[in-house]
């Protein structure tokens, strides 16, 4: 199933390129055009890059969501049902392909960060730990996206559902510190699971805005989300494919 999804990359390379270029454009835009760094101690680029890495892991789910809904609407699932595989195999194969692209996107973003002057100061263990937390957050967001795609049911509704992801990304500390926001908004931002991932990544990267004690939350929140949405997605997929 994963090879099937990777074969789609060869036939539809434009979507892959767009998913790689879009977060790079956001990083350069916020870093050089509208990024002010209000409330940030030290270099804003050092603060921004880990936040943008977390934001990249939250966005770009529409490709996976479209693939799921297209399979449901084109009768492909009927053929899979005749094969000796579980209902979850189709979704897991799709998620594995998405995680490969997410790892590639993360590598591109880190390369761009280095090109504009950002440096990871936390050593190799800290670097690998931060990357692991970012991919874990992506894995959780992925299963939320798969479930929402099946709730939408049709490819034309995916874009409307995808809009729901934007508040998660921007109501976080990816681009600015909660201290620079109104009190109630800062509280909402601090409770956002993505804020914990961004803060933990900054700590492990040795960047401004990192605080101790957020690594555990950056592990627990994604695991809880996966524990909720993975079985929901598999159960709904099984119901839709009957």
C-alpha atoms as a PDB file:
ATOM      1  CA  UNK A   1       0.000   0.000   0.000  1.00  0.00           C
ATOM      2  CA  UNK A   2       2.862   2.386   0.724  1.00  0.00           C
ATOM      3  CA  UNK A   3       4.479   1.595  -2.662  1.00  0.00           C
ATOM      4  CA  UNK A   4       1.137   2.356  -4.301  1.00  0.00           C
ATOM      5  CA  UNK A   5       1.064   5.802  -2.715  1.00  0.00           C
ATOM      6  CA  UNK A   6       4.702   6.497  -3.608  1.00  0.00           C
ATOM      7  CA  UNK A   7       3.956   5.581  -7.235  1.00  0.00           C
ATOM      8  CA  UNK A   8       1.433   8.432  -7.258  1.00  0.00           C
ATOM      9  CA  UNK A   9       4.298  10.836  -6.570  1.00  0.00           C
ATOM     10  CA  UNK A  10       5.889   9.892  -9.878  1.00  0.00           C
ATOM     11  CA  UNK A  11       2.644  10.484 -11.763  1.00  0.00           C
ATOM     12  CA  UNK A  12       1.763  13.672  -9.862  1.00  0.00           C
ATOM     13  CA  UNK A  13       5.055  15.399  -9.022  1.00  0.00           C
ATOM     14  CA  UNK A  14       3.515  18.881  -8.972  1.00  0.00           C
ATOM     15  CA  UNK A  15       1.667  18.174  -5.709  1.00  0.00           C
ATOM     16  CA  UNK A  16       4.886  16.940  -4.094  1.00  0.00           C
ATOM     17  CA  UNK A  17       6.782  20.067  -5.189  1.00  0.00           C
ATOM     18  CA  UNK A  18       3.994  22.357  -3.943  1.00  0.00           C
ATOM     19  CA  UNK A  19       4.026  20.669  -0.535  1.00  0.00           C
ATOM     20  CA  UNK A  20       7.781  21.229  -0.317  1.00  0.00           C
ATOM     21  CA  UNK A  21       7.817  24.836  -1.579  1.00  0.00           C
ATOM     22  CA  UNK A  22       4.828  26.231   0.343  1.00  0.00           C
ATOM     23  CA  UNK A  23       6.382  26.048   3.853  1.00  0.00           C
ATOM     24  CA  UNK A  24       9.645  27.472   2.484  1.00  0.00           C
ATOM     25  CA  UNK A  25       7.698  30.467   1.160  1.00  0.00           C
ATOM     26  CA  UNK A  26       6.056  30.927   4.568  1.00  0.00           C
ATOM     27  CA  UNK A  27       9.421  30.807   6.350  1.00  0.00           C
ATOM     28  CA  UNK A  28      10.965  33.416   4.046  1.00  0.00           C
ATOM     29  CA  UNK A  29       7.842  35.598   4.193  1.00  0.00           C
ATOM     30  CA  UNK A  30       7.637  35.670   7.976  1.00  0.00           C
ATOM     31  CA  UNK A  31      11.402  35.889   8.370  1.00  0.00           C
ATOM     32  CA  UNK A  32      12.016  38.777   5.981  1.00  0.00           C
ATOM     33  CA  UNK A  33       8.707  40.498   5.188  1.00  0.00           C
ATOM     34  CA  UNK A  34       6.373  40.537   8.177  1.00  0.00           C
ATOM     35  CA  UNK A  35       8.270  38.882  11.016  1.00  0.00           C
ATOM     36  CA  UNK A  36       8.927  41.383  13.766  1.00  0.00           C
ATOM     37  CA  UNK A  37       9.904  39.187  16.652  1.00  0.00           C
ATOM     38  CA  UNK A  38       7.870  41.117  19.203  1.00  0.00           C
ATOM     39  CA  UNK A  39       8.520  39.691  22.655  1.00  0.00           C
ATOM     40  CA  UNK A  40      11.355  37.449  21.449  1.00  0.00           C
ATOM     41  CA  UNK A  41      14.693  37.635  23.237  1.00  0.00           C
ATOM     42  CA  UNK A  42      17.567  37.130  20.820  1.00  0.00           C
ATOM     43  CA  UNK A  43      17.433  36.474  17.096  1.00  0.00           C
ATOM     44  CA  UNK A  44      13.936  36.204  15.642  1.00  0.00           C
ATOM     45  CA  UNK A  45      15.169  33.808  12.960  1.00  0.00           C
ATOM     46  CA  UNK A  46      16.443  31.466  15.694  1.00  0.00           C
ATOM     47  CA  UNK A  47      13.001  31.640  17.317  1.00  0.00           C
ATOM     48  CA  UNK A  48      11.068  31.435  14.044  1.00  0.00           C
ATOM     49  CA  UNK A  49      12.678  28.409  12.372  1.00  0.00           C
ATOM     50  CA  UNK A  50      11.677  25.800  15.020  1.00  0.00           C
ATOM     51  CA  UNK A  51       8.178  27.305  15.067  1.00  0.00           C
ATOM     52  CA  UNK A  52       7.954  27.068  11.277  1.00  0.00           C
ATOM     53  CA  UNK A  53       9.110  23.449  11.428  1.00  0.00           C
ATOM     54  CA  UNK A  54       6.197  22.712  13.763  1.00  0.00           C
ATOM     55  CA  UNK A  55       3.839  24.698  11.526  1.00  0.00           C
ATOM     56  CA  UNK A  56       5.004  22.669   8.516  1.00  0.00           C
ATOM     57  CA  UNK A  57       4.106  19.472  10.347  1.00  0.00           C
ATOM     58  CA  UNK A  58       0.567  20.804  10.918  1.00  0.00           C
ATOM     59  CA  UNK A  59      -0.074  21.936   7.339  1.00  0.00           C
ATOM     60  CA  UNK A  60      -0.069  20.107   4.010  1.00  0.00           C
ATOM     61  CA  UNK A  61      -2.567  17.401   4.947  1.00  0.00           C
ATOM     62  CA  UNK A  62      -4.827  18.020   1.958  1.00  0.00           C
ATOM     63  CA  UNK A  63      -2.867  15.614  -0.276  1.00  0.00           C
ATOM     64  CA  UNK A  64      -3.502  12.732   2.103  1.00  0.00           C
ATOM     65  CA  UNK A  65      -7.101  13.765   2.663  1.00  0.00           C
ATOM     66  CA  UNK A  66      -7.772  13.960  -1.089  1.00  0.00           C
ATOM     67  CA  UNK A  67      -6.197  10.548  -1.700  1.00  0.00           C
ATOM     68  CA  UNK A  68      -8.406   8.943   0.955  1.00  0.00           C
ATOM     69  CA  UNK A  69     -11.624  10.482  -0.360  1.00  0.00           C
ATOM     70  CA  UNK A  70     -10.734   9.666  -3.977  1.00  0.00           C
ATOM     71  CA  UNK A  71     -10.182   6.008  -3.103  1.00  0.00           C
ATOM     72  CA  UNK A  72     -13.549   5.941  -1.387  1.00  0.00           C
ATOM     73  CA  UNK A  73     -15.334   7.489  -4.364  1.00  0.00           C
ATOM     74  CA  UNK A  74     -13.638   5.635  -7.227  1.00  0.00           C
ATOM     75  CA  UNK A  75     -14.420   2.094  -6.143  1.00  0.00           C
ATOM     76  CA  UNK A  76     -10.785   1.274  -5.388  1.00  0.00           C
ATOM     77  CA  UNK A  77     -11.766   0.109  -1.911  1.00  0.00           C
ATOM     78  CA  UNK A  78     -13.989  -2.594  -3.409  1.00  0.00           C
ATOM     79  CA  UNK A  79     -10.928  -4.170  -5.036  1.00  0.00           C
ATOM     80  CA  UNK A  80      -8.942  -3.950  -1.814  1.00  0.00           C
ATOM     81  CA  UNK A  81     -11.733  -5.707   0.068  1.00  0.00           C
ATOM     82  CA  UNK A  82     -11.189  -8.815  -2.073  1.00  0.00           C
ATOM     83  CA  UNK A  83      -7.561  -8.982  -0.935  1.00  0.00           C
ATOM     84  CA  UNK A  84      -6.289 -10.533   2.318  1.00  0.00           C
ATOM     85  CA  UNK A  85      -5.660  -7.252   4.158  1.00  0.00           C
ATOM     86  CA  UNK A  86      -7.169  -5.456   7.111  1.00  0.00           C
ATOM     87  CA  UNK A  87      -9.155  -2.238   6.787  1.00  0.00           C
ATOM     88  CA  UNK A  88      -6.348  -0.365   8.507  1.00  0.00           C
ATOM     89  CA  UNK A  89      -3.740  -1.438   5.910  1.00  0.00           C
ATOM     90  CA  UNK A  90      -4.986   1.076   3.337  1.00  0.00           C
ATOM     91  CA  UNK A  91      -4.805   3.926   5.834  1.00  0.00           C
ATOM     92  CA  UNK A  92      -1.468   2.863   7.297  1.00  0.00           C
ATOM     93  CA  UNK A  93       0.048   2.626   3.807  1.00  0.00           C
ATOM     94  CA  UNK A  94      -1.178   6.125   3.035  1.00  0.00           C
ATOM     95  CA  UNK A  95       0.147   7.450   6.355  1.00  0.00           C
ATOM     96  CA  UNK A  96       3.575   5.861   5.776  1.00  0.00           C
ATOM     97  CA  UNK A  97       3.879   7.642   2.427  1.00  0.00           C
ATOM     98  CA  UNK A  98       2.826  10.915   4.030  1.00  0.00           C
ATOM     99  CA  UNK A  99       5.418  10.516   6.781  1.00  0.00           C
ATOM    100  CA  UNK A 100       8.147   9.996   4.176  1.00  0.00           C
ATOM    101  CA  UNK A 101       7.147  13.225   2.454  1.00  0.00           C
ATOM    102  CA  UNK A 102       6.964  14.989   5.829  1.00  0.00           C
ATOM    103  CA  UNK A 103      10.510  13.880   6.650  1.00  0.00           C
ATOM    104  CA  UNK A 104      11.654  15.207   3.271  1.00  0.00           C
ATOM    105  CA  UNK A 105       9.840  18.493   3.839  1.00  0.00           C
ATOM    106  CA  UNK A 106      11.412  18.778   7.283  1.00  0.00           C
ATOM    107  CA  UNK A 107      14.882  18.214   5.793  1.00  0.00           C
ATOM    108  CA  UNK A 108      14.264  20.919   3.157  1.00  0.00           C
ATOM    109  CA  UNK A 109      13.065  23.391   5.792  1.00  0.00           C
ATOM    110  CA  UNK A 110      16.079  22.718   8.021  1.00  0.00           C
ATOM    111  CA  UNK A 111      18.348  23.274   5.015  1.00  0.00           C
ATOM    112  CA  UNK A 112      16.641  26.597   4.259  1.00  0.00           C
ATOM    113  CA  UNK A 113      16.928  27.551   7.925  1.00  0.00           C
ATOM    114  CA  UNK A 114      20.666  26.975   7.803  1.00  0.00           C
ATOM    115  CA  UNK A 115      20.856  28.983   4.580  1.00  0.00           C
ATOM    116  CA  UNK A 116      19.286  32.056   6.245  1.00  0.00           C
ATOM    117  CA  UNK A 117      21.521  31.877   9.304  1.00  0.00           C
ATOM    118  CA  UNK A 118      19.718  29.614  11.782  1.00  0.00           C
ATOM    119  CA  UNK A 119      21.847  27.122  13.692  1.00  0.00           C
ATOM    120  CA  UNK A 120      20.886  24.267  15.998  1.00  0.00           C
ATOM    121  CA  UNK A 121      22.847  24.723  19.231  1.00  0.00           C
ATOM    122  CA  UNK A 122      21.620  21.716  21.203  1.00  0.00           C
ATOM    123  CA  UNK A 123      24.058  19.119  19.865  1.00  0.00           C
ATOM    124  CA  UNK A 124      23.283  15.933  17.955  1.00  0.00           C
ATOM    125  CA  UNK A 125      21.049  14.330  20.660  1.00  0.00           C
ATOM    126  CA  UNK A 126      19.009  17.512  20.977  1.00  0.00           C
ATOM    127  CA  UNK A 127      18.732  17.841  17.195  1.00  0.00           C
ATOM    128  CA  UNK A 128      17.521  14.262  16.757  1.00  0.00           C
ATOM    129  CA  UNK A 129      15.128  14.598  19.691  1.00  0.00           C
ATOM    130  CA  UNK A 130      13.582  17.757  18.224  1.00  0.00           C
ATOM    131  CA  UNK A 131      13.156  16.118  14.808  1.00  0.00           C
ATOM    132  CA  UNK A 132      11.546  13.103  16.480  1.00  0.00           C
ATOM    133  CA  UNK A 133       9.036  15.293  18.337  1.00  0.00           C
ATOM    134  CA  UNK A 134       8.181  17.176  15.141  1.00  0.00           C
ATOM    135  CA  UNK A 135       7.518  13.943  13.237  1.00  0.00           C
ATOM    136  CA  UNK A 136       5.478  12.581  16.141  1.00  0.00           C
ATOM    137  CA  UNK A 137       3.305  15.696  16.012  1.00  0.00           C
ATOM    138  CA  UNK A 138       2.917  15.221  12.245  1.00  0.00           C
ATOM    139  CA  UNK A 139       1.847  11.620  12.789  1.00  0.00           C
ATOM    140  CA  UNK A 140      -0.893  12.771  15.161  1.00  0.00           C
ATOM    141  CA  UNK A 141      -2.077  15.509  12.784  1.00  0.00           C
ATOM    142  CA  UNK A 142      -2.089  12.988   9.955  1.00  0.00           C
ATOM    143  CA  UNK A 143      -4.597  10.709  11.670  1.00  0.00           C
ATOM    144  CA  UNK A 144      -6.805  13.656  12.518  1.00  0.00           C
ATOM    145  CA  UNK A 145      -6.699  14.595   8.821  1.00  0.00           C
ATOM    146  CA  UNK A 146      -7.517  11.062   7.671  1.00  0.00           C
ATOM    147  CA  UNK A 147     -10.500  10.905   9.992  1.00  0.00           C
ATOM    148  CA  UNK A 148     -11.783  14.336   8.903  1.00  0.00           C
ATOM    149  CA  UNK A 149     -11.362  13.316   5.248  1.00  0.00           C
ATOM    150  CA  UNK A 150     -13.681  10.380   5.761  1.00  0.00           C
ATOM    151  CA  UNK A 151     -16.146  12.597   7.606  1.00  0.00           C
ATOM    152  CA  UNK A 152     -16.094  14.934   4.589  1.00  0.00           C
ATOM    153  CA  UNK A 153     -16.490  11.950   2.264  1.00  0.00           C
ATOM    154  CA  UNK A 154     -15.958  13.821  -1.010  1.00  0.00           C
ATOM    155  CA  UNK A 155     -12.798  15.404  -2.507  1.00  0.00           C
ATOM    156  CA  UNK A 156     -14.559  18.723  -3.117  1.00  0.00           C
ATOM    157  CA  UNK A 157     -15.266  19.054   0.626  1.00  0.00           C
ATOM    158  CA  UNK A 158     -11.672  18.422   1.689  1.00  0.00           C
ATOM    159  CA  UNK A 159     -10.617  22.048   1.225  1.00  0.00           C
ATOM    160  CA  UNK A 160     -13.367  23.216   3.566  1.00  0.00           C
ATOM    161  CA  UNK A 161     -12.293  20.690   6.203  1.00  0.00           C
ATOM    162  CA  UNK A 162      -8.612  21.592   5.722  1.00  0.00           C
ATOM    163  CA  UNK A 163      -9.412  25.161   6.778  1.00  0.00           C
ATOM    164  CA  UNK A 164     -10.036  23.799  10.280  1.00  0.00           C
ATOM    165  CA  UNK A 165      -6.300  23.065  10.558  1.00  0.00           C
ATOM    166  CA  UNK A 166      -5.308  26.721  10.157  1.00  0.00           C
ATOM    167  CA  UNK A 167      -6.475  27.881  13.597  1.00  0.00           C
ATOM    168  CA  UNK A 168      -4.394  25.100  15.181  1.00  0.00           C
ATOM    169  CA  UNK A 169      -1.323  26.423  13.400  1.00  0.00           C
ATOM    170  CA  UNK A 170      -1.733  30.134  13.917  1.00  0.00           C
ATOM    171  CA  UNK A 171      -3.188  29.984  17.450  1.00  0.00           C
ATOM    172  CA  UNK A 172       0.215  28.820  18.636  1.00  0.00           C
ATOM    173  CA  UNK A 173       3.601  30.237  19.567  1.00  0.00           C
ATOM    174  CA  UNK A 174       5.096  29.281  16.190  1.00  0.00           C
ATOM    175  CA  UNK A 175       5.414  32.913  15.084  1.00  0.00           C
ATOM    176  CA  UNK A 176       5.202  34.983  18.287  1.00  0.00           C
ATOM    177  CA  UNK A 177       5.470  34.536  22.037  1.00  0.00           C
ATOM    178  CA  UNK A 178       2.289  34.249  24.143  1.00  0.00           C
ATOM    179  CA  UNK A 179       3.635  37.123  26.285  1.00  0.00           C
ATOM    180  CA  UNK A 180       3.144  39.494  23.345  1.00  0.00           C
ATOM    181  CA  UNK A 181      -0.570  38.568  23.023  1.00  0.00           C
ATOM    182  CA  UNK A 182      -3.657  39.585  25.014  1.00  0.00           C
ATOM    183  CA  UNK A 183      -3.961  37.572  28.225  1.00  0.00           C
ATOM    184  CA  UNK A 184      -6.846  35.312  27.184  1.00  0.00           C
ATOM    185  CA  UNK A 185      -5.308  34.639  23.770  1.00  0.00           C
ATOM    186  CA  UNK A 186      -1.932  33.847  25.291  1.00  0.00           C
ATOM    187  CA  UNK A 187      -3.614  31.281  27.545  1.00  0.00           C
ATOM    188  CA  UNK A 188      -5.260  29.593  24.545  1.00  0.00           C
ATOM    189  CA  UNK A 189      -1.940  29.564  22.708  1.00  0.00           C
ATOM    190  CA  UNK A 190      -0.124  27.998  25.659  1.00  0.00           C
ATOM    191  CA  UNK A 191      -2.649  25.125  25.779  1.00  0.00           C
ATOM    192  CA  UNK A 192      -2.329  24.384  22.060  1.00  0.00           C
ATOM    193  CA  UNK A 193      -0.525  21.003  21.620  1.00  0.00           C
ATOM    194  CA  UNK A 194       1.456  22.503  18.744  1.00  0.00           C
ATOM    195  CA  UNK A 195       2.837  25.182  21.091  1.00  0.00           C
ATOM    196  CA  UNK A 196       4.252  22.437  23.313  1.00  0.00           C
ATOM    197  CA  UNK A 197       5.940  20.833  20.296  1.00  0.00           C
ATOM    198  CA  UNK A 198       7.370  24.158  19.102  1.00  0.00           C
ATOM    199  CA  UNK A 199       8.624  25.071  22.598  1.00  0.00           C
ATOM    200  CA  UNK A 200      10.162  21.630  23.143  1.00  0.00           C
ATOM    201  CA  UNK A 201      11.839  21.812  19.725  1.00  0.00           C
ATOM    202  CA  UNK A 202      13.288  25.217  20.597  1.00  0.00           C
ATOM    203  CA  UNK A 203      14.622  23.828  23.863  1.00  0.00           C
ATOM    204  CA  UNK A 204      16.254  20.839  22.164  1.00  0.00           C
ATOM    205  CA  UNK A 205      17.607  22.982  19.320  1.00  0.00           C
ATOM    206  CA  UNK A 206      18.979  25.479  21.863  1.00  0.00           C
ATOM    207  CA  UNK A 207      16.905  28.309  20.361  1.00  0.00           C
ATOM    208  CA  UNK A 208      15.258  31.346  22.032  1.00  0.00           C
ATOM    209  CA  UNK A 209      11.839  30.577  23.489  1.00  0.00           C
ATOM    210  CA  UNK A 210      12.723  27.088  24.647  1.00  0.00           C
ATOM    211  CA  UNK A 211      11.512  26.152  28.113  1.00  0.00           C
ATOM    212  CA  UNK A 212      12.144  23.061  30.181  1.00  0.00           C
ATOM    213  CA  UNK A 213       9.208  20.812  30.973  1.00  0.00           C
ATOM    214  CA  UNK A 214       7.546  20.911  27.560  1.00  0.00           C
ATOM    215  CA  UNK A 215       9.184  17.787  26.117  1.00  0.00           C
ATOM    216  CA  UNK A 216       6.884  15.450  28.042  1.00  0.00           C
ATOM    217  CA  UNK A 217       3.815  17.376  26.857  1.00  0.00           C
ATOM    218  CA  UNK A 218       5.132  17.261  23.280  1.00  0.00           C
ATOM    219  CA  UNK A 219       5.197  13.456  23.614  1.00  0.00           C
ATOM    220  CA  UNK A 220       1.951  12.917  25.535  1.00  0.00           C
ATOM    221  CA  UNK A 221      -0.329  15.191  23.462  1.00  0.00           C
ATOM    222  CA  UNK A 222       0.403  13.518  20.080  1.00  0.00           C
ATOM    223  CA  UNK A 223       0.116  10.042  21.613  1.00  0.00           C
ATOM    224  CA  UNK A 224      -3.286  10.942  23.067  1.00  0.00           C
ATOM    225  CA  UNK A 225      -4.446  12.319  19.703  1.00  0.00           C
ATOM    226  CA  UNK A 226      -3.265   9.187  17.885  1.00  0.00           C
ATOM    227  CA  UNK A 227      -4.933   7.022  20.516  1.00  0.00           C
ATOM    228  CA  UNK A 228      -8.234   8.808  19.844  1.00  0.00           C
ATOM    229  CA  UNK A 229      -8.215   9.344  16.073  1.00  0.00           C
ATOM    230  CA  UNK A 230      -6.447   6.191  14.832  1.00  0.00           C
ATOM    231  CA  UNK A 231      -9.194   3.807  16.022  1.00  0.00           C
ATOM    232  CA  UNK A 232     -11.870   6.303  14.962  1.00  0.00           C
ATOM    233  CA  UNK A 233     -10.393   6.475  11.456  1.00  0.00           C
ATOM    234  CA  UNK A 234     -10.042   2.698  11.103  1.00  0.00           C
ATOM    235  CA  UNK A 235     -13.561   2.102  12.399  1.00  0.00           C
ATOM    236  CA  UNK A 236     -15.099   4.703  10.077  1.00  0.00           C
ATOM    237  CA  UNK A 237     -13.094   3.405   7.125  1.00  0.00           C
ATOM    238  CA  UNK A 238     -14.367  -0.083   7.817  1.00  0.00           C
ATOM    239  CA  UNK A 239     -17.935   1.197   7.875  1.00  0.00           C
ATOM    240  CA  UNK A 240     -17.576   3.225   4.672  1.00  0.00           C
ATOM    241  CA  UNK A 241     -15.944   0.372   2.766  1.00  0.00           C
ATOM    242  CA  UNK A 242     -18.786  -2.087   3.415  1.00  0.00           C
END
